[in-house]
Amino acid sequence: MKDRPEISYTFVDTPAPLETLSARLKQTNRVALDIEGNSLHRYFEKVCLIQLTFDGENYILDPLAGLDLSRFLRVLSATPLILHDADYDLRMLHSSLGFRPRREVFDTMLAGQILGCTQYSLVALARDFLEVSLTKRGQKSDWTQRPLTKAQLR
């Protein structure tokens, strides 16, 4: 079993990298997407972090940085998405940012269920299909707090 390697990423919390991300996103044919929200810490939950991977590039977008996300969300909605437990992430993206996908959505959790996997968490699927060991240590963090810690961004 391989440990997850350190991953380099571009942190997006200012307009210039957001424009670069939006332009790059227009050129790809699919994107893996994950969000972090504050549902464990607040009654009215919101999206606090958006993580994207495509074409070997990784981005972490801070939706709490006060950026105009309208162009980014338009481009993202026109791109096929890969998510794990898409129901949660898509509901959060819609309620927080008004996002609705206009293209295909592939849900790895549903795929695991259809394949008859007895465990279909992201950790289990990464272990069983990719032989990669993931941890979800930071999942219960308070994602509204800034600055984000190195542990949260790992």
N, C-alpha and C. Protein backbone atom coordinates (compact mmCIF):
# COMPACT_ATOMS: atom_id res chain seq x y z
N MET A 1 0.85 -1.18 0.00
CA MET A 1 0.00 0.00 0.00
C MET A 1 0.89 1.24 0.00
N LYS A 2 0.61 2.15 -0.91
CA LYS A 2 1.38 3.39 -1.02
C LYS A 2 0.72 4.48 -0.18
N ASP A 3 1.56 5.27 0.50
CA ASP A 3 1.03 6.47 1.14
C ASP A 3 0.75 7.48 0.05
N ARG A 4 -0.20 8.35 0.31
CA ARG A 4 -0.49 9.40 -0.66
C ARG A 4 0.72 10.31 -0.77
N PRO A 5 1.19 10.56 -1.98
CA PRO A 5 2.36 11.43 -2.13
C PRO A 5 2.00 12.89 -1.83
N GLU A 6 3.02 13.68 -1.52
CA GLU A 6 2.80 15.12 -1.39
C GLU A 6 2.37 15.65 -2.75
N ILE A 7 1.40 16.50 -2.75
CA ILE A 7 0.83 17.01 -4.00
C ILE A 7 1.05 18.52 -4.05
N SER A 8 1.58 18.99 -5.16
CA SER A 8 1.71 20.43 -5.33
C SER A 8 0.38 20.98 -5.85
N TYR A 9 0.10 22.21 -5.51
CA TYR A 9 -1.16 22.83 -5.91
C TYR A 9 -0.99 24.33 -6.02
N THR A 10 -1.92 24.94 -6.72
CA THR A 10 -2.00 26.40 -6.79
C THR A 10 -3.13 26.83 -5.86
N PHE A 11 -2.81 27.72 -4.92
CA PHE A 11 -3.83 28.24 -4.02
C PHE A 11 -4.45 29.47 -4.66
N VAL A 12 -5.75 29.48 -4.77
CA VAL A 12 -6.47 30.55 -5.47
C VAL A 12 -7.27 31.37 -4.47
N ASP A 13 -6.77 32.57 -4.17
CA ASP A 13 -7.50 33.47 -3.27
C ASP A 13 -7.40 34.92 -3.72
N THR A 14 -6.91 35.12 -4.95
CA THR A 14 -6.84 36.46 -5.55
C THR A 14 -7.31 36.37 -7.00
N PRO A 15 -7.64 37.50 -7.62
CA PRO A 15 -8.22 37.47 -8.98
C PRO A 15 -7.32 36.84 -10.05
N ALA A 16 -6.01 37.10 -10.03
CA ALA A 16 -5.15 36.60 -11.12
C ALA A 16 -5.13 35.07 -11.20
N PRO A 17 -4.88 34.35 -10.10
CA PRO A 17 -4.92 32.89 -10.22
C PRO A 17 -6.32 32.36 -10.52
N LEU A 18 -7.36 33.09 -10.12
CA LEU A 18 -8.72 32.66 -10.45
C LEU A 18 -8.95 32.74 -11.95
N GLU A 19 -8.46 33.80 -12.59
CA GLU A 19 -8.57 33.92 -14.05
C GLU A 19 -7.80 32.80 -14.75
N THR A 20 -6.61 32.51 -14.25
CA THR A 20 -5.81 31.41 -14.82
C THR A 20 -6.55 30.09 -14.68
N LEU A 21 -7.10 29.83 -13.50
CA LEU A 21 -7.86 28.60 -13.26
C LEU A 21 -9.04 28.52 -14.22
N SER A 22 -9.80 29.58 -14.35
CA SER A 22 -10.97 29.58 -15.24
C SER A 22 -10.57 29.32 -16.68
N ALA A 23 -9.48 29.94 -17.13
CA ALA A 23 -9.01 29.74 -18.50
C ALA A 23 -8.55 28.30 -18.72
N ARG A 24 -7.81 27.74 -17.77
CA ARG A 24 -7.34 26.36 -17.87
C ARG A 24 -8.52 25.38 -17.85
N LEU A 25 -9.50 25.69 -17.03
CA LEU A 25 -10.68 24.82 -16.91
C LEU A 25 -11.43 24.71 -18.23
N LYS A 26 -11.45 25.79 -18.99
CA LYS A 26 -12.13 25.77 -20.30
C LYS A 26 -11.47 24.80 -21.27
N GLN A 27 -10.21 24.46 -21.04
CA GLN A 27 -9.45 23.63 -21.96
C GLN A 27 -9.48 22.14 -21.61
N THR A 28 -10.07 21.77 -20.49
CA THR A 28 -10.03 20.38 -20.07
C THR A 28 -11.33 19.66 -20.43
N ASN A 29 -11.28 18.33 -20.42
CA ASN A 29 -12.50 17.59 -20.75
C ASN A 29 -13.17 16.97 -19.53
N ARG A 30 -12.56 17.10 -18.35
CA ARG A 30 -13.21 16.67 -17.10
C ARG A 30 -12.39 17.17 -15.92
N VAL A 31 -13.05 17.27 -14.77
CA VAL A 31 -12.36 17.76 -13.57
C VAL A 31 -12.84 16.96 -12.36
N ALA A 32 -11.89 16.57 -11.53
CA ALA A 32 -12.21 15.97 -10.23
C ALA A 32 -12.40 17.11 -9.25
N LEU A 33 -13.47 17.04 -8.47
CA LEU A 33 -13.88 18.16 -7.63
C LEU A 33 -14.23 17.65 -6.24
N ASP A 34 -13.82 18.40 -5.23
CA ASP A 34 -14.18 18.09 -3.85
C ASP A 34 -14.34 19.41 -3.12
N ILE A 35 -15.25 19.44 -2.18
CA ILE A 35 -15.43 20.66 -1.39
C ILE A 35 -15.29 20.34 0.09
N GLU A 36 -15.00 21.36 0.84
CA GLU A 36 -15.06 21.29 2.30
C GLU A 36 -16.04 22.35 2.74
N GLY A 37 -16.91 21.97 3.66
CA GLY A 37 -17.90 22.90 4.17
C GLY A 37 -17.80 23.01 5.68
N ASN A 38 -18.67 23.80 6.24
CA ASN A 38 -18.65 24.01 7.69
C ASN A 38 -19.87 23.39 8.36
N SER A 39 -20.41 22.34 7.78
CA SER A 39 -21.66 21.77 8.29
C SER A 39 -21.54 21.23 9.71
N LEU A 40 -20.33 20.90 10.16
CA LEU A 40 -20.16 20.41 11.53
C LEU A 40 -20.10 21.54 12.55
N HIS A 41 -19.92 22.77 12.08
CA HIS A 41 -19.68 23.89 12.99
C HIS A 41 -20.75 24.99 12.92
N ARG A 42 -21.63 24.94 11.95
CA ARG A 42 -22.64 25.99 11.78
C ARG A 42 -23.97 25.37 11.38
N TYR A 43 -25.05 26.05 11.75
CA TYR A 43 -26.38 25.56 11.36
C TYR A 43 -26.60 25.79 9.87
N PHE A 44 -26.31 27.01 9.39
CA PHE A 44 -26.43 27.31 7.97
C PHE A 44 -25.07 27.06 7.34
N GLU A 45 -24.95 25.92 6.69
CA GLU A 45 -23.65 25.53 6.15
C GLU A 45 -23.33 26.25 4.85
N LYS A 46 -22.03 26.33 4.57
CA LYS A 46 -21.59 26.96 3.33
C LYS A 46 -20.31 26.28 2.86
N VAL A 47 -20.00 26.47 1.58
CA VAL A 47 -18.78 25.95 1.00
C VAL A 47 -17.61 26.83 1.47
N CYS A 48 -16.58 26.19 2.02
CA CYS A 48 -15.43 26.93 2.55
C CYS A 48 -14.15 26.68 1.76
N LEU A 49 -14.13 25.65 0.93
CA LEU A 49 -12.94 25.32 0.14
C LEU A 49 -13.37 24.48 -1.04
N ILE A 50 -12.81 24.75 -2.21
CA ILE A 50 -13.08 23.98 -3.42
C ILE A 50 -11.75 23.45 -3.93
N GLN A 51 -11.65 22.13 -4.07
CA GLN A 51 -10.43 21.48 -4.54
C GLN A 51 -10.70 20.89 -5.92
N LEU A 52 -9.82 21.19 -6.87
CA LEU A 52 -10.00 20.72 -8.25
C LEU A 52 -8.71 20.10 -8.75
N THR A 53 -8.85 19.03 -9.52
CA THR A 53 -7.71 18.39 -10.18
C THR A 53 -8.11 18.08 -11.61
N PHE A 54 -7.26 18.45 -12.55
CA PHE A 54 -7.48 18.11 -13.95
C PHE A 54 -6.16 18.25 -14.69
N ASP A 55 -5.98 17.39 -15.66
CA ASP A 55 -4.78 17.43 -16.52
C ASP A 55 -3.48 17.52 -15.71
N GLY A 56 -3.42 16.83 -14.58
CA GLY A 56 -2.21 16.82 -13.76
C GLY A 56 -1.99 18.08 -12.94
N GLU A 57 -2.95 18.98 -12.93
CA GLU A 57 -2.84 20.22 -12.16
C GLU A 57 -3.82 20.17 -10.99
N ASN A 58 -3.42 20.76 -9.87
CA ASN A 58 -4.24 20.77 -8.67
C ASN A 58 -4.43 22.21 -8.20
N TYR A 59 -5.67 22.53 -7.85
CA TYR A 59 -6.01 23.87 -7.39
C TYR A 59 -6.82 23.78 -6.10
N ILE A 60 -6.56 24.70 -5.20
CA ILE A 60 -7.39 24.87 -4.01
C ILE A 60 -7.91 26.29 -4.06
N LEU A 61 -9.22 26.42 -4.17
CA LEU A 61 -9.88 27.72 -4.31
C LEU A 61 -10.56 28.09 -3.00
N ASP A 62 -10.30 29.30 -2.54
CA ASP A 62 -10.91 29.80 -1.31
C ASP A 62 -12.14 30.64 -1.65
N PRO A 63 -13.34 30.06 -1.54
CA PRO A 63 -14.54 30.83 -1.87
C PRO A 63 -14.89 31.88 -0.81
N LEU A 64 -14.17 31.89 0.31
CA LEU A 64 -14.42 32.89 1.34
C LEU A 64 -13.52 34.11 1.18
N ALA A 65 -12.71 34.14 0.11
CA ALA A 65 -11.76 35.24 -0.09
C ALA A 65 -12.40 36.48 -0.70
N GLY A 66 -13.69 36.44 -0.97
CA GLY A 66 -14.37 37.62 -1.50
C GLY A 66 -14.20 37.83 -2.99
N LEU A 67 -13.85 36.79 -3.72
CA LEU A 67 -13.67 36.89 -5.17
C LEU A 67 -15.00 36.80 -5.90
N ASP A 68 -15.03 37.36 -7.09
CA ASP A 68 -16.19 37.19 -7.98
C ASP A 68 -16.01 35.84 -8.67
N LEU A 69 -16.81 34.86 -8.28
CA LEU A 69 -16.67 33.49 -8.80
C LEU A 69 -17.57 33.21 -9.99
N SER A 70 -18.28 34.22 -10.51
CA SER A 70 -19.29 33.97 -11.53
C SER A 70 -18.71 33.34 -12.79
N ARG A 71 -17.60 33.84 -13.32
CA ARG A 71 -17.01 33.25 -14.53
C ARG A 71 -16.54 31.82 -14.24
N PHE A 72 -15.84 31.64 -13.14
CA PHE A 72 -15.36 30.31 -12.74
C PHE A 72 -16.52 29.32 -12.67
N LEU A 73 -17.62 29.70 -12.03
CA LEU A 73 -18.77 28.80 -11.88
C LEU A 73 -19.42 28.49 -13.22
N ARG A 74 -19.47 29.48 -14.12
CA ARG A 74 -20.01 29.23 -15.47
C ARG A 74 -19.17 28.19 -16.21
N VAL A 75 -17.86 28.37 -16.16
CA VAL A 75 -16.96 27.43 -16.84
C VAL A 75 -17.04 26.05 -16.19
N LEU A 76 -17.05 26.01 -14.87
CA LEU A 76 -17.13 24.73 -14.16
C LEU A 76 -18.42 24.00 -14.49
N SER A 77 -19.52 24.72 -14.59
CA SER A 77 -20.81 24.08 -14.87
C SER A 77 -20.85 23.44 -16.25
N ALA A 78 -19.99 23.89 -17.15
CA ALA A 78 -19.94 23.36 -18.52
C ALA A 78 -18.90 22.25 -18.68
N THR A 79 -18.33 21.79 -17.57
CA THR A 79 -17.27 20.78 -17.59
C THR A 79 -17.77 19.51 -16.91
N PRO A 80 -17.57 18.33 -17.52
CA PRO A 80 -17.92 17.08 -16.83
C PRO A 80 -17.16 16.97 -15.50
N LEU A 81 -17.86 16.50 -14.48
CA LEU A 81 -17.31 16.46 -13.12
C LEU A 81 -17.16 15.03 -12.62
N ILE A 82 -16.14 14.82 -11.79
CA ILE A 82 -15.94 13.58 -11.06
C ILE A 82 -15.93 13.96 -9.58
N LEU A 83 -16.84 13.36 -8.80
CA LEU A 83 -16.93 13.64 -7.38
C LEU A 83 -17.12 12.34 -6.61
N HIS A 84 -16.89 12.40 -5.31
CA HIS A 84 -17.22 11.30 -4.43
C HIS A 84 -18.35 11.79 -3.52
N ASP A 85 -19.44 11.06 -3.48
CA ASP A 85 -20.65 11.49 -2.76
C ASP A 85 -21.12 12.84 -3.32
N ALA A 86 -21.38 12.82 -4.61
CA ALA A 86 -21.74 14.04 -5.34
C ALA A 86 -22.96 14.73 -4.76
N ASP A 87 -23.88 13.97 -4.20
CA ASP A 87 -25.10 14.56 -3.66
C ASP A 87 -24.78 15.67 -2.66
N TYR A 88 -23.90 15.40 -1.72
CA TYR A 88 -23.56 16.40 -0.70
C TYR A 88 -22.88 17.61 -1.33
N ASP A 89 -21.83 17.36 -2.12
CA ASP A 89 -21.07 18.48 -2.69
C ASP A 89 -21.94 19.34 -3.60
N LEU A 90 -22.75 18.72 -4.43
CA LEU A 90 -23.59 19.50 -5.35
C LEU A 90 -24.67 20.28 -4.61
N ARG A 91 -25.25 19.69 -3.57
CA ARG A 91 -26.22 20.46 -2.77
C ARG A 91 -25.56 21.66 -2.11
N MET A 92 -24.35 21.46 -1.57
CA MET A 92 -23.63 22.56 -0.93
C MET A 92 -23.27 23.64 -1.94
N LEU A 93 -22.77 23.23 -3.10
CA LEU A 93 -22.40 24.21 -4.14
C LEU A 93 -23.62 24.99 -4.62
N HIS A 94 -24.75 24.31 -4.71
CA HIS A 94 -25.96 25.01 -5.14
C HIS A 94 -26.46 25.98 -4.06
N SER A 95 -26.54 25.51 -2.82
CA SER A 95 -27.08 26.39 -1.77
C SER A 95 -26.14 27.54 -1.44
N SER A 96 -24.83 27.33 -1.51
CA SER A 96 -23.87 28.39 -1.17
C SER A 96 -23.58 29.33 -2.33
N LEU A 97 -23.48 28.76 -3.56
CA LEU A 97 -22.98 29.56 -4.68
C LEU A 97 -23.90 29.57 -5.89
N GLY A 98 -25.06 28.91 -5.79
CA GLY A 98 -25.99 28.88 -6.92
C GLY A 98 -25.52 28.01 -8.07
N PHE A 99 -24.58 27.11 -7.82
CA PHE A 99 -23.98 26.28 -8.87
C PHE A 99 -24.88 25.10 -9.24
N ARG A 100 -25.04 24.91 -10.55
CA ARG A 100 -25.73 23.73 -11.10
C ARG A 100 -24.91 23.21 -12.28
N PRO A 101 -24.53 21.93 -12.24
CA PRO A 101 -23.79 21.38 -13.38
C PRO A 101 -24.69 21.25 -14.60
N ARG A 102 -24.12 21.54 -15.77
CA ARG A 102 -24.86 21.38 -17.03
C ARG A 102 -24.34 20.20 -17.84
N ARG A 103 -23.31 19.53 -17.33
CA ARG A 103 -22.72 18.39 -18.02
C ARG A 103 -22.78 17.16 -17.11
N GLU A 104 -22.14 16.09 -17.55
CA GLU A 104 -22.18 14.83 -16.82
C GLU A 104 -21.53 14.95 -15.45
N VAL A 105 -22.03 14.13 -14.52
CA VAL A 105 -21.45 14.02 -13.18
C VAL A 105 -21.20 12.54 -12.93
N PHE A 106 -19.94 12.19 -12.64
CA PHE A 106 -19.58 10.81 -12.30
C PHE A 106 -19.32 10.77 -10.81
N ASP A 107 -20.06 9.93 -10.10
CA ASP A 107 -19.95 9.82 -8.65
C ASP A 107 -19.22 8.52 -8.32
N THR A 108 -18.01 8.63 -7.76
CA THR A 108 -17.23 7.44 -7.45
C THR A 108 -17.87 6.60 -6.35
N MET A 109 -18.62 7.22 -5.44
CA MET A 109 -19.31 6.45 -4.41
C MET A 109 -20.39 5.57 -5.03
N LEU A 110 -21.19 6.15 -5.92
CA LEU A 110 -22.22 5.36 -6.60
C LEU A 110 -21.59 4.27 -7.46
N ALA A 111 -20.48 4.58 -8.11
CA ALA A 111 -19.79 3.58 -8.92
C ALA A 111 -19.35 2.40 -8.05
N GLY A 112 -18.82 2.70 -6.87
CA GLY A 112 -18.44 1.64 -5.94
C GLY A 112 -19.62 0.78 -5.53
N GLN A 113 -20.75 1.42 -5.27
CA GLN A 113 -21.96 0.67 -4.91
C GLN A 113 -22.43 -0.20 -6.06
N ILE A 114 -22.43 0.33 -7.27
CA ILE A 114 -22.86 -0.43 -8.45
C ILE A 114 -21.94 -1.62 -8.68
N LEU A 115 -20.65 -1.45 -8.42
CA LEU A 115 -19.70 -2.54 -8.59
C LEU A 115 -19.78 -3.58 -7.48
N GLY A 116 -20.61 -3.32 -6.47
CA GLY A 116 -20.80 -4.28 -5.39
C GLY A 116 -19.76 -4.20 -4.29
N CYS A 117 -19.05 -3.09 -4.20
CA CYS A 117 -18.07 -2.93 -3.13
C CYS A 117 -18.79 -2.92 -1.79
N THR A 118 -18.24 -3.62 -0.81
CA THR A 118 -18.86 -3.62 0.51
C THR A 118 -18.54 -2.34 1.27
N GLN A 119 -17.42 -1.72 0.94
CA GLN A 119 -17.06 -0.42 1.50
C GLN A 119 -16.86 0.53 0.34
N TYR A 120 -17.49 1.68 0.40
CA TYR A 120 -17.41 2.60 -0.74
C TYR A 120 -17.10 4.03 -0.31
N SER A 121 -16.46 4.17 0.86
CA SER A 121 -15.94 5.49 1.23
C SER A 121 -14.78 5.81 0.30
N LEU A 122 -14.41 7.08 0.23
CA LEU A 122 -13.28 7.47 -0.61
C LEU A 122 -12.00 6.77 -0.16
N VAL A 123 -11.81 6.66 1.15
CA VAL A 123 -10.63 5.97 1.69
C VAL A 123 -10.61 4.52 1.23
N ALA A 124 -11.76 3.83 1.32
CA ALA A 124 -11.83 2.41 0.93
C ALA A 124 -11.62 2.23 -0.57
N LEU A 125 -12.24 3.08 -1.39
CA LEU A 125 -12.09 2.94 -2.84
C LEU A 125 -10.66 3.24 -3.29
N ALA A 126 -10.02 4.25 -2.69
CA ALA A 126 -8.62 4.55 -3.02
C ALA A 126 -7.73 3.38 -2.63
N ARG A 127 -8.00 2.79 -1.49
CA ARG A 127 -7.23 1.63 -1.04
C ARG A 127 -7.43 0.44 -1.98
N ASP A 128 -8.68 0.13 -2.29
CA ASP A 128 -8.99 -1.08 -3.05
C ASP A 128 -8.65 -0.98 -4.54
N PHE A 129 -8.84 0.18 -5.14
CA PHE A 129 -8.63 0.30 -6.58
C PHE A 129 -7.30 0.94 -6.97
N LEU A 130 -6.77 1.82 -6.11
CA LEU A 130 -5.54 2.53 -6.44
C LEU A 130 -4.36 2.12 -5.58
N GLU A 131 -4.64 1.32 -4.54
CA GLU A 131 -3.62 0.92 -3.57
C GLU A 131 -2.92 2.13 -2.96
N VAL A 132 -3.73 3.13 -2.63
CA VAL A 132 -3.24 4.36 -2.01
C VAL A 132 -3.92 4.50 -0.66
N SER A 133 -3.14 4.87 0.35
CA SER A 133 -3.66 5.06 1.70
C SER A 133 -3.99 6.54 1.92
N LEU A 134 -5.26 6.84 2.11
CA LEU A 134 -5.70 8.21 2.37
C LEU A 134 -6.09 8.34 3.84
N THR A 135 -6.02 9.55 4.35
CA THR A 135 -6.58 9.84 5.66
C THR A 135 -7.59 10.96 5.49
N LYS A 136 -8.55 11.03 6.36
CA LYS A 136 -9.55 12.10 6.33
C LYS A 136 -9.43 12.94 7.61
N ARG A 137 -8.18 13.05 8.12
CA ARG A 137 -7.95 13.75 9.38
C ARG A 137 -8.55 15.15 9.43
N GLY A 138 -8.34 15.93 8.39
CA GLY A 138 -8.77 17.32 8.41
C GLY A 138 -10.24 17.54 8.11
N GLN A 139 -10.95 16.46 7.82
CA GLN A 139 -12.33 16.60 7.37
C GLN A 139 -13.22 17.30 8.40
N LYS A 140 -12.92 17.14 9.68
CA LYS A 140 -13.77 17.73 10.71
C LYS A 140 -13.25 19.09 11.18
N SER A 141 -12.30 19.66 10.45
CA SER A 141 -11.77 20.98 10.77
C SER A 141 -12.86 22.04 10.66
N ASP A 142 -12.61 23.17 11.30
CA ASP A 142 -13.46 24.33 11.08
C ASP A 142 -12.90 25.07 9.87
N TRP A 143 -13.49 24.81 8.71
CA TRP A 143 -12.98 25.33 7.44
C TRP A 143 -13.26 26.81 7.24
N THR A 144 -14.00 27.45 8.17
CA THR A 144 -14.24 28.89 8.05
C THR A 144 -13.06 29.70 8.59
N GLN A 145 -12.24 29.10 9.42
CA GLN A 145 -11.12 29.81 10.04
C GLN A 145 -10.04 30.11 9.01
N ARG A 146 -9.54 31.33 9.03
CA ARG A 146 -8.43 31.74 8.18
C ARG A 146 -7.36 32.34 9.07
N PRO A 147 -6.09 32.14 8.77
CA PRO A 147 -5.59 31.38 7.63
C PRO A 147 -5.77 29.88 7.85
N LEU A 148 -5.84 29.15 6.74
CA LEU A 148 -5.90 27.70 6.80
C LEU A 148 -4.54 27.17 7.24
N THR A 149 -4.56 26.06 7.97
CA THR A 149 -3.30 25.48 8.44
C THR A 149 -2.68 24.60 7.36
N LYS A 150 -1.40 24.30 7.51
CA LYS A 150 -0.74 23.38 6.58
C LYS A 150 -1.41 22.02 6.60
N ALA A 151 -1.84 21.58 7.78
CA ALA A 151 -2.52 20.28 7.89
C ALA A 151 -3.82 20.29 7.08
N GLN A 152 -4.56 21.39 7.10
CA GLN A 152 -5.80 21.46 6.32
C GLN A 152 -5.53 21.43 4.82
N LEU A 153 -4.43 22.01 4.41
CA LEU A 153 -4.11 22.10 2.98
C LEU A 153 -3.37 20.87 2.46
N ARG A 154 -3.08 19.93 3.30
CA ARG A 154 -2.37 18.72 2.87
C ARG A 154 -3.31 17.77 2.18
